[in-house]
C-alpha cells in the first residue's frame, strides 16, 4: 500500500463516518476491512450496494460476499434492506 492509498482510505472511511478508532473497526478481520474499503467509494456515490455489484468490484465469489455482508451487518456498519436476490446494503447511520 502506498502512502497516498493510506490517505485516500482514511479520508474515505472518515467521510463514511467510520474511523479507525470506532468500536466496529477492531471487530473486523483484515479481509473484511479491505472489502469494506473497496466498496466504500461505490456506497458513498450510490448510497447502496447489492451482492452482484460488490462481487464485480472486488472479484470475490457470491458466497464470500455474503459472508462479508453478514459480518459488516452484525458489526453495525451496514444495514440490509430487502430479501434474497433483491437485498441491498447501506451504511448504517451514526
PDB file of N, CA and C in Angstrom:
ATOM      1  N   UNK A   1       0.855  -1.177   0.000  1.00  0.00           N
ATOM      2  CA  UNK A   1       0.000   0.000   0.000  1.00  0.00           C
ATOM      3  C   UNK A   1       0.898   1.237   0.000  1.00  0.00           C
ATOM      4  N   UNK A   2       0.584   2.178  -0.813  1.00  0.00           N
ATOM      5  CA  UNK A   2       1.359   3.399  -0.922  1.00  0.00           C
ATOM      6  C   UNK A   2       0.846   4.441   0.052  1.00  0.00           C
ATOM      7  N   UNK A   3       1.664   5.423   0.326  1.00  0.00           N
ATOM      8  CA  UNK A   3       1.282   6.481   1.257  1.00  0.00           C
ATOM      9  C   UNK A   3      -0.005   7.178   0.820  1.00  0.00           C
ATOM     10  N   UNK A   4      -0.154   7.451  -0.457  1.00  0.00           N
ATOM     11  CA  UNK A   4      -1.363   8.084  -0.972  1.00  0.00           C
ATOM     12  C   UNK A   4      -2.591   7.222  -0.760  1.00  0.00           C
ATOM     13  N   UNK A   5      -2.417   5.899  -0.860  1.00  0.00           N
ATOM     14  CA  UNK A   5      -3.529   4.983  -0.641  1.00  0.00           C
ATOM     15  C   UNK A   5      -3.998   5.043   0.805  1.00  0.00           C
ATOM     16  N   UNK A   6      -3.073   5.160   1.728  1.00  0.00           N
ATOM     17  CA  UNK A   6      -3.442   5.259   3.140  1.00  0.00           C
ATOM     18  C   UNK A   6      -4.256   6.522   3.366  1.00  0.00           C
ATOM     19  N   UNK A   7      -3.824   7.625   2.769  1.00  0.00           N
ATOM     20  CA  UNK A   7      -4.569   8.882   2.903  1.00  0.00           C
ATOM     21  C   UNK A   7      -5.967   8.743   2.338  1.00  0.00           C
ATOM     22  N   UNK A   8      -6.080   8.173   1.126  1.00  0.00           N
ATOM     23  CA  UNK A   8      -7.389   8.005   0.493  1.00  0.00           C
ATOM     24  C   UNK A   8      -8.291   7.127   1.335  1.00  0.00           C
ATOM     25  N   UNK A   9      -7.757   6.052   1.870  1.00  0.00           N
ATOM     26  CA  UNK A   9      -8.550   5.133   2.695  1.00  0.00           C
ATOM     27  C   UNK A   9      -9.024   5.830   3.955  1.00  0.00           C
ATOM     28  N   UNK A  10      -8.154   6.569   4.605  1.00  0.00           N
ATOM     29  CA  UNK A  10      -8.533   7.283   5.821  1.00  0.00           C
ATOM     30  C   UNK A  10      -9.610   8.307   5.524  1.00  0.00           C
ATOM     31  N   UNK A  11      -9.461   9.037   4.444  1.00  0.00           N
ATOM     32  CA  UNK A  11     -10.447  10.038   4.063  1.00  0.00           C
ATOM     33  C   UNK A  11     -11.776   9.373   3.746  1.00  0.00           C
ATOM     34  N   UNK A  12     -11.762   8.295   2.960  1.00  0.00           N
ATOM     35  CA  UNK A  12     -12.998   7.598   2.614  1.00  0.00           C
ATOM     36  C   UNK A  12     -13.710   7.073   3.847  1.00  0.00           C
ATOM     37  N   UNK A  13     -12.973   6.482   4.747  1.00  0.00           N
ATOM     38  CA  UNK A  13     -13.589   5.947   5.955  1.00  0.00           C
ATOM     39  C   UNK A  13     -14.140   7.063   6.826  1.00  0.00           C
ATOM     40  N   UNK A  14     -13.452   8.187   6.908  1.00  0.00           N
ATOM     41  CA  UNK A  14     -13.927   9.305   7.694  1.00  0.00           C
ATOM     42  C   UNK A  14     -15.170   9.913   7.060  1.00  0.00           C
ATOM     43  N   UNK A  15     -15.190  10.053   5.743  1.00  0.00           N
ATOM     44  CA  UNK A  15     -16.355  10.581   5.039  1.00  0.00           C
ATOM     45  C   UNK A  15     -17.557   9.667   5.265  1.00  0.00           C
ATOM     46  N   UNK A  16     -17.316   8.367   5.301  1.00  0.00           N
ATOM     47  CA  UNK A  16     -18.397   7.400   5.508  1.00  0.00           C
ATOM     48  C   UNK A  16     -18.822   7.343   6.971  1.00  0.00           C
ATOM     49  N   UNK A  17     -18.130   8.051   7.841  1.00  0.00           N
ATOM     50  CA  UNK A  17     -18.476   8.042   9.253  1.00  0.00           C
ATOM     51  C   UNK A  17     -17.844   6.890  10.003  1.00  0.00           C
ATOM     52  N   UNK A  18     -16.847   6.247   9.404  1.00  0.00           N
ATOM     53  CA  UNK A  18     -16.171   5.125  10.045  1.00  0.00           C
ATOM     54  C   UNK A  18     -14.738   5.551  10.304  1.00  0.00           C
ATOM     55  N   UNK A  19     -14.352   5.553  11.527  1.00  0.00           N
ATOM     56  CA  UNK A  19     -12.994   5.935  11.881  1.00  0.00           C
ATOM     57  C   UNK A  19     -12.269   4.719  12.424  1.00  0.00           C
ATOM     58  N   UNK A  20     -10.961   4.708  12.292  1.00  0.00           N
ATOM     59  CA  UNK A  20     -10.194   3.561  12.753  1.00  0.00           C
ATOM     60  C   UNK A  20     -10.341   3.363  14.262  1.00  0.00           C
ATOM     61  N   UNK A  21     -10.750   4.403  14.969  1.00  0.00           N
ATOM     62  CA  UNK A  21     -10.929   4.278  16.408  1.00  0.00           C
ATOM     63  C   UNK A  21     -12.331   3.796  16.781  1.00  0.00           C
ATOM     64  N   UNK A  22     -13.230   3.658  15.769  1.00  0.00           N
ATOM     65  CA  UNK A  22     -14.580   3.175  16.046  1.00  0.00           C
ATOM     66  C   UNK A  22     -14.530   1.787  16.657  1.00  0.00           C
ATOM     67  N   UNK A  23     -15.512   1.501  17.508  1.00  0.00           N
ATOM     68  CA  UNK A  23     -15.561   0.202  18.161  1.00  0.00           C
ATOM     69  C   UNK A  23     -15.747  -0.926  17.156  1.00  0.00           C
ATOM     70  N   UNK A  24     -16.299  -0.627  15.970  1.00  0.00           N
ATOM     71  CA  UNK A  24     -16.545  -1.662  14.979  1.00  0.00           C
ATOM     72  C   UNK A  24     -15.266  -2.091  14.272  1.00  0.00           C
ATOM     73  N   UNK A  25     -14.336  -1.180  14.117  1.00  0.00           N
ATOM     74  CA  UNK A  25     -13.168  -1.489  13.299  1.00  0.00           C
ATOM     75  C   UNK A  25     -12.316  -2.597  13.900  1.00  0.00           C
ATOM     76  N   UNK A  26     -12.292  -2.730  15.219  1.00  0.00           N
ATOM     77  CA  UNK A  26     -11.487  -3.790  15.810  1.00  0.00           C
ATOM     78  C   UNK A  26     -12.201  -5.135  15.779  1.00  0.00           C
ATOM     79  N   UNK A  27     -13.459  -5.171  15.329  1.00  0.00           N
ATOM     80  CA  UNK A  27     -14.198  -6.421  15.188  1.00  0.00           C
ATOM     81  C   UNK A  27     -13.981  -7.040  13.813  1.00  0.00           C
ATOM     82  N   UNK A  28     -13.401  -6.292  12.901  1.00  0.00           N
ATOM     83  CA  UNK A  28     -13.249  -6.762  11.529  1.00  0.00           C
ATOM     84  C   UNK A  28     -11.889  -7.407  11.311  1.00  0.00           C
ATOM     85  N   UNK A  29     -11.891  -8.471  10.522  1.00  0.00           N
ATOM     86  CA  UNK A  29     -10.630  -9.072  10.104  1.00  0.00           C
ATOM     87  C   UNK A  29      -9.997  -8.170   9.046  1.00  0.00           C
ATOM     88  N   UNK A  30      -8.774  -8.454   8.710  1.00  0.00           N
ATOM     89  CA  UNK A  30      -8.104  -7.662   7.679  1.00  0.00           C
ATOM     90  C   UNK A  30      -8.832  -7.799   6.344  1.00  0.00           C
ATOM     91  N   UNK A  31      -9.289  -9.001   6.015  1.00  0.00           N
ATOM     92  CA  UNK A  31     -10.011  -9.218   4.753  1.00  0.00           C
ATOM     93  C   UNK A  31     -11.320  -8.436   4.733  1.00  0.00           C
ATOM     94  N   UNK A  32     -12.030  -8.410   5.860  1.00  0.00           N
ATOM     95  CA  UNK A  32     -13.286  -7.657   5.942  1.00  0.00           C
ATOM     96  C   UNK A  32     -13.039  -6.165   5.817  1.00  0.00           C
ATOM     97  N   UNK A  33     -11.970  -5.708   6.422  1.00  0.00           N
ATOM     98  CA  UNK A  33     -11.605  -4.293   6.335  1.00  0.00           C
ATOM     99  C   UNK A  33     -11.264  -3.911   4.891  1.00  0.00           C
ATOM    100  N   UNK A  34     -10.518  -4.746   4.211  1.00  0.00           N
ATOM    101  CA  UNK A  34     -10.171  -4.490   2.808  1.00  0.00           C
ATOM    102  C   UNK A  34     -11.430  -4.486   1.948  1.00  0.00           C
ATOM    103  N   UNK A  35     -12.336  -5.433   2.199  1.00  0.00           N
ATOM    104  CA  UNK A  35     -13.597  -5.487   1.460  1.00  0.00           C
ATOM    105  C   UNK A  35     -14.379  -4.193   1.651  1.00  0.00           C
ATOM    106  N   UNK A  36     -14.508  -3.761   2.904  1.00  0.00           N
ATOM    107  CA  UNK A  36     -15.244  -2.530   3.206  1.00  0.00           C
ATOM    108  C   UNK A  36     -14.621  -1.340   2.487  1.00  0.00           C
ATOM    109  N   UNK A  37     -13.326  -1.231   2.543  1.00  0.00           N
ATOM    110  CA  UNK A  37     -12.638  -0.111   1.883  1.00  0.00           C
ATOM    111  C   UNK A  37     -12.829  -0.135   0.368  1.00  0.00           C
ATOM    112  N   UNK A  38     -12.948  -1.327  -0.192  1.00  0.00           N
ATOM    113  CA  UNK A  38     -13.100  -1.416  -1.649  1.00  0.00           C
ATOM    114  C   UNK A  38     -14.511  -1.064  -2.110  1.00  0.00           C
ATOM    115  N   UNK A  39     -15.527  -1.257  -1.251  1.00  0.00           N
ATOM    116  CA  UNK A  39     -16.896  -0.927  -1.665  1.00  0.00           C
ATOM    117  C   UNK A  39     -17.336   0.458  -1.188  1.00  0.00           C
ATOM    118  N   UNK A  40     -16.581   1.092  -0.310  1.00  0.00           N
ATOM    119  CA  UNK A  40     -16.959   2.416   0.210  1.00  0.00           C
ATOM    120  C   UNK A  40     -17.130   3.489  -0.864  1.00  0.00           C
ATOM    121  N   UNK A  41     -16.235   3.585  -1.832  1.00  0.00           N
ATOM    122  CA  UNK A  41     -16.457   4.622  -2.853  1.00  0.00           C
ATOM    123  C   UNK A  41     -17.808   4.445  -3.562  1.00  0.00           C
ATOM    124  N   UNK A  42     -18.165   3.215  -3.882  1.00  0.00           N
ATOM    125  CA  UNK A  42     -19.447   2.951  -4.534  1.00  0.00           C
ATOM    126  C   UNK A  42     -20.603   3.304  -3.595  1.00  0.00           C
ATOM    127  N   UNK A  43     -20.510   2.896  -2.334  1.00  0.00           N
ATOM    128  CA  UNK A  43     -21.562   3.208  -1.356  1.00  0.00           C
ATOM    129  C   UNK A  43     -21.727   4.710  -1.180  1.00  0.00           C
ATOM    130  N   UNK A  44     -20.623   5.424  -1.126  1.00  0.00           N
ATOM    131  CA  UNK A  44     -20.704   6.877  -0.963  1.00  0.00           C
ATOM    132  C   UNK A  44     -21.324   7.546  -2.173  1.00  0.00           C
ATOM    133  N   UNK A  45     -21.069   6.998  -3.352  1.00  0.00           N
ATOM    134  CA  UNK A  45     -21.616   7.592  -4.580  1.00  0.00           C
ATOM    135  C   UNK A  45     -23.082   7.217  -4.790  1.00  0.00           C
ATOM    136  N   UNK A  46     -23.406   5.944  -4.640  1.00  0.00           N
ATOM    137  CA  UNK A  46     -24.748   5.444  -4.974  1.00  0.00           C
ATOM    138  C   UNK A  46     -25.684   5.314  -3.775  1.00  0.00           C
ATOM    139  N   UNK A  47     -25.129   5.210  -2.579  1.00  0.00           N
ATOM    140  CA  UNK A  47     -25.961   5.101  -1.381  1.00  0.00           C
ATOM    141  C   UNK A  47     -26.305   3.683  -0.975  1.00  0.00           C
ATOM    142  N   UNK A  48     -26.215   2.741  -1.912  1.00  0.00           N
ATOM    143  CA  UNK A  48     -26.496   1.344  -1.588  1.00  0.00           C
ATOM    144  C   UNK A  48     -25.745   0.437  -2.553  1.00  0.00           C
ATOM    145  N   UNK A  49     -25.628  -0.827  -2.162  1.00  0.00           N
ATOM    146  CA  UNK A  49     -24.915  -1.792  -2.992  1.00  0.00           C
ATOM    147  C   UNK A  49     -25.584  -3.152  -2.846  1.00  0.00           C
ATOM    148  N   UNK A  50     -25.521  -3.944  -3.906  1.00  0.00           N
ATOM    149  CA  UNK A  50     -26.030  -5.315  -3.830  1.00  0.00           C
ATOM    150  C   UNK A  50     -24.860  -6.289  -3.989  1.00  0.00           C
ATOM    151  N   UNK A  51     -25.132  -7.562  -3.795  1.00  0.00           N
ATOM    152  CA  UNK A  51     -24.079  -8.574  -3.815  1.00  0.00           C
ATOM    153  C   UNK A  51     -23.412  -8.679  -5.187  1.00  0.00           C
ATOM    154  N   UNK A  52     -24.177  -8.577  -6.242  1.00  0.00           N
ATOM    155  CA  UNK A  52     -23.616  -8.680  -7.595  1.00  0.00           C
ATOM    156  C   UNK A  52     -22.621  -7.548  -7.859  1.00  0.00           C
ATOM    157  N   UNK A  53     -23.005  -6.345  -7.484  1.00  0.00           N
ATOM    158  CA  UNK A  53     -22.112  -5.199  -7.684  1.00  0.00           C
ATOM    159  C   UNK A  53     -20.852  -5.337  -6.835  1.00  0.00           C
ATOM    160  N   UNK A  54     -21.023  -5.761  -5.581  1.00  0.00           N
ATOM    161  CA  UNK A  54     -19.868  -5.959  -4.698  1.00  0.00           C
ATOM    162  C   UNK A  54     -18.930  -7.018  -5.270  1.00  0.00           C
ATOM    163  N   UNK A  55     -19.501  -8.066  -5.844  1.00  0.00           N
ATOM    164  CA  UNK A  55     -18.695  -9.113  -6.456  1.00  0.00           C
ATOM    165  C   UNK A  55     -17.939  -8.572  -7.675  1.00  0.00           C
ATOM    166  N   UNK A  56     -18.608  -7.761  -8.475  1.00  0.00           N
ATOM    167  CA  UNK A  56     -17.963  -7.149  -9.650  1.00  0.00           C
ATOM    168  C   UNK A  56     -16.809  -6.244  -9.232  1.00  0.00           C
ATOM    169  N   UNK A  57     -17.000  -5.490  -8.165  1.00  0.00           N
ATOM    170  CA  UNK A  57     -15.973  -4.550  -7.697  1.00  0.00           C
ATOM    171  C   UNK A  57     -14.772  -5.286  -7.116  1.00  0.00           C
ATOM    172  N   UNK A  58     -15.034  -6.312  -6.304  1.00  0.00           N
ATOM    173  CA  UNK A  58     -13.969  -6.975  -5.558  1.00  0.00           C
ATOM    174  C   UNK A  58     -13.418  -8.230  -6.212  1.00  0.00           C
ATOM    175  N   UNK A  59     -14.197  -8.830  -7.113  1.00  0.00           N
ATOM    176  CA  UNK A  59     -13.766 -10.083  -7.713  1.00  0.00           C
ATOM    177  C   UNK A  59     -13.967 -11.291  -6.820  1.00  0.00           C
ATOM    178  N   UNK A  60     -14.682 -11.115  -5.721  1.00  0.00           N
ATOM    179  CA  UNK A  60     -14.938 -12.209  -4.773  1.00  0.00           C
ATOM    180  C   UNK A  60     -16.182 -12.990  -5.185  1.00  0.00           C
ATOM    181  N   UNK A  61     -16.258 -14.237  -4.719  1.00  0.00           N
ATOM    182  CA  UNK A  61     -17.404 -15.095  -5.031  1.00  0.00           C
ATOM    183  C   UNK A  61     -18.645 -14.640  -4.276  1.00  0.00           C
ATOM    184  N   UNK A  62     -19.801 -15.098  -4.736  1.00  0.00           N
ATOM    185  CA  UNK A  62     -21.068 -14.753  -4.093  1.00  0.00           C
ATOM    186  C   UNK A  62     -21.099 -15.230  -2.642  1.00  0.00           C
ATOM    187  N   UNK A  63     -20.539 -16.396  -2.378  1.00  0.00           N
ATOM    188  CA  UNK A  63     -20.508 -16.936  -1.009  1.00  0.00           C
ATOM    189  C   UNK A  63     -19.670 -16.035  -0.108  1.00  0.00           C
ATOM    190  N   UNK A  64     -18.509 -15.630  -0.592  1.00  0.00           N
ATOM    191  CA  UNK A  64     -17.616 -14.768   0.207  1.00  0.00           C
ATOM    192  C   UNK A  64     -18.241 -13.392   0.424  1.00  0.00           C
ATOM    193  N   UNK A  65     -18.912 -12.853  -0.582  1.00  0.00           N
ATOM    194  CA  UNK A  65     -19.590 -11.558  -0.456  1.00  0.00           C
ATOM    195  C   UNK A  65     -20.649 -11.637   0.628  1.00  0.00           C
ATOM    196  N   UNK A  66     -21.420 -12.721   0.636  1.00  0.00           N
ATOM    197  CA  UNK A  66     -22.453 -12.898   1.653  1.00  0.00           C
ATOM    198  C   UNK A  66     -21.829 -12.930   3.055  1.00  0.00           C
ATOM    199  N   UNK A  67     -20.701 -13.603   3.203  1.00  0.00           N
ATOM    200  CA  UNK A  67     -20.008 -13.653   4.496  1.00  0.00           C
ATOM    201  C   UNK A  67     -19.572 -12.260   4.929  1.00  0.00           C
ATOM    202  N   UNK A  68     -19.012 -11.497   3.996  1.00  0.00           N
ATOM    203  CA  UNK A  68     -18.586 -10.132   4.319  1.00  0.00           C
ATOM    204  C   UNK A  68     -19.776  -9.269   4.732  1.00  0.00           C
ATOM    205  N   UNK A  69     -20.856  -9.316   3.966  1.00  0.00           N
ATOM    206  CA  UNK A  69     -22.030  -8.515   4.290  1.00  0.00           C
ATOM    207  C   UNK A  69     -22.630  -8.914   5.636  1.00  0.00           C
ATOM    208  N   UNK A  70     -22.652 -10.200   5.938  1.00  0.00           N
ATOM    209  CA  UNK A  70     -23.167 -10.663   7.229  1.00  0.00           C
ATOM    210  C   UNK A  70     -22.339 -10.080   8.371  1.00  0.00           C
ATOM    211  N   UNK A  71     -21.034 -10.156   8.252  1.00  0.00           N
ATOM    212  CA  UNK A  71     -20.147  -9.644   9.307  1.00  0.00           C
ATOM    213  C   UNK A  71     -20.280  -8.121   9.462  1.00  0.00           C
ATOM    214  N   UNK A  72     -20.327  -7.399   8.345  1.00  0.00           N
ATOM    215  CA  UNK A  72     -20.444  -5.937   8.412  1.00  0.00           C
ATOM    216  C   UNK A  72     -21.806  -5.508   8.958  1.00  0.00           C
ATOM    217  N   UNK A  73     -22.830  -6.294   8.693  1.00  0.00           N
ATOM    218  CA  UNK A  73     -24.152  -6.014   9.247  1.00  0.00           C
ATOM    219  C   UNK A  73     -24.163  -6.275  10.747  1.00  0.00           C
ATOM    220  N   UNK A  74     -23.599  -7.400  11.164  1.00  0.00           N
ATOM    221  CA  UNK A  74     -23.522  -7.735  12.591  1.00  0.00           C
ATOM    222  C   UNK A  74     -22.702  -6.707  13.366  1.00  0.00           C
ATOM    223  N   UNK A  75     -21.688  -6.139  12.726  1.00  0.00           N
ATOM    224  CA  UNK A  75     -20.835  -5.138  13.372  1.00  0.00           C
ATOM    225  C   UNK A  75     -21.510  -3.767  13.429  1.00  0.00           C
ATOM    226  N   UNK A  76     -22.663  -3.628  12.764  1.00  0.00           N
ATOM    227  CA  UNK A  76     -23.373  -2.359  12.790  1.00  0.00           C
ATOM    228  C   UNK A  76     -22.873  -1.338  11.788  1.00  0.00           C
ATOM    229  N   UNK A  77     -22.057  -1.757  10.848  1.00  0.00           N
ATOM    230  CA  UNK A  77     -21.512  -0.843   9.849  1.00  0.00           C
ATOM    231  C   UNK A  77     -22.480  -0.690   8.677  1.00  0.00           C
ATOM    232  N   UNK A  78     -23.115  -1.792   8.297  1.00  0.00           N
ATOM    233  CA  UNK A  78     -24.087  -1.786   7.210  1.00  0.00           C
ATOM    234  C   UNK A  78     -25.461  -2.191   7.722  1.00  0.00           C
ATOM    235  N   UNK A  79     -26.482  -1.755   7.014  1.00  0.00           N
ATOM    236  CA  UNK A  79     -27.859  -2.205   7.248  1.00  0.00           C
ATOM    237  C   UNK A  79     -28.346  -2.856   5.979  1.00  0.00           C
ATOM    238  N   UNK A  80     -29.117  -3.941   6.135  1.00  0.00           N
ATOM    239  CA  UNK A  80     -29.633  -4.625   4.948  1.00  0.00           C
ATOM    240  C   UNK A  80     -31.093  -4.267   4.725  1.00  0.00           C
ATOM    241  N   UNK A  81     -31.456  -4.228   3.448  1.00  0.00           N
ATOM    242  CA  UNK A  81     -32.813  -3.902   3.035  1.00  0.00           C
ATOM    243  C   UNK A  81     -33.235  -4.893   1.957  1.00  0.00           C
ATOM    244  N   UNK A  82     -34.486  -5.338   2.017  1.00  0.00           N
ATOM    245  CA  UNK A  82     -34.988  -6.281   1.024  1.00  0.00           C
ATOM    246  C   UNK A  82     -34.653  -7.705   1.407  1.00  0.00           C
ATOM    247  N   UNK A  83     -35.053  -8.614   0.536  1.00  0.00           N
ATOM    248  CA  UNK A  83     -34.849 -10.031   0.810  1.00  0.00           C
ATOM    249  C   UNK A  83     -34.208 -10.725  -0.379  1.00  0.00           C
ATOM    250  N   UNK A  84     -33.452 -11.736  -0.070  1.00  0.00           N
ATOM    251  CA  UNK A  84     -32.849 -12.635  -1.054  1.00  0.00           C
ATOM    252  C   UNK A  84     -32.145 -11.911  -2.188  1.00  0.00           C
ATOM    253  N   UNK A  85     -32.548 -12.137  -3.425  1.00  0.00           N
ATOM    254  CA  UNK A  85     -31.830 -11.560  -4.571  1.00  0.00           C
ATOM    255  C   UNK A  85     -32.033 -10.061  -4.711  1.00  0.00           C
ATOM    256  N   UNK A  86     -33.043  -9.513  -4.041  1.00  0.00           N
ATOM    257  CA  UNK A  86     -33.290  -8.071  -4.102  1.00  0.00           C
ATOM    258  C   UNK A  86     -32.647  -7.315  -2.937  1.00  0.00           C
ATOM    259  N   UNK A  87     -31.869  -7.993  -2.122  1.00  0.00           N
ATOM    260  CA  UNK A  87     -31.274  -7.374  -0.937  1.00  0.00           C
ATOM    261  C   UNK A  87     -30.203  -6.367  -1.335  1.00  0.00           C
ATOM    262  N   UNK A  88     -30.243  -5.226  -0.664  1.00  0.00           N
ATOM    263  CA  UNK A  88     -29.207  -4.208  -0.820  1.00  0.00           C
ATOM    264  C   UNK A  88     -28.695  -3.840   0.563  1.00  0.00           C
ATOM    265  N   UNK A  89     -27.557  -3.191   0.584  1.00  0.00           N
ATOM    266  CA  UNK A  89     -26.921  -2.779   1.834  1.00  0.00           C
ATOM    267  C   UNK A  89     -26.592  -1.306   1.758  1.00  0.00           C
ATOM    268  N   UNK A  90     -26.782  -0.627   2.887  1.00  0.00           N
ATOM    269  CA  UNK A  90     -26.446   0.791   3.011  1.00  0.00           C
ATOM    270  C   UNK A  90     -25.613   0.980   4.262  1.00  0.00           C
ATOM    271  N   UNK A  91     -24.857   2.058   4.289  1.00  0.00           N
ATOM    272  CA  UNK A  91     -24.113   2.375   5.504  1.00  0.00           C
ATOM    273  C   UNK A  91     -25.114   2.687   6.616  1.00  0.00           C
ATOM    274  N   UNK A  92     -24.848   2.149   7.794  1.00  0.00           N
ATOM    275  CA  UNK A  92     -25.715   2.418   8.943  1.00  0.00           C
ATOM    276  C   UNK A  92     -25.503   3.865   9.368  1.00  0.00           C
ATOM    277  N   UNK A  93     -26.554   4.508   9.780  1.00  0.00           N
ATOM    278  CA  UNK A  93     -26.464   5.894  10.242  1.00  0.00           C
ATOM    279  C   UNK A  93     -25.825   5.913  11.624  1.00  0.00           C
ATOM    280  N   UNK A  94     -24.971   6.881  11.836  1.00  0.00           N
ATOM    281  CA  UNK A  94     -24.323   7.045  13.144  1.00  0.00           C
ATOM    282  C   UNK A  94     -25.160   7.930  14.023  1.00  0.00           C
TER     283      UNK A  94
END
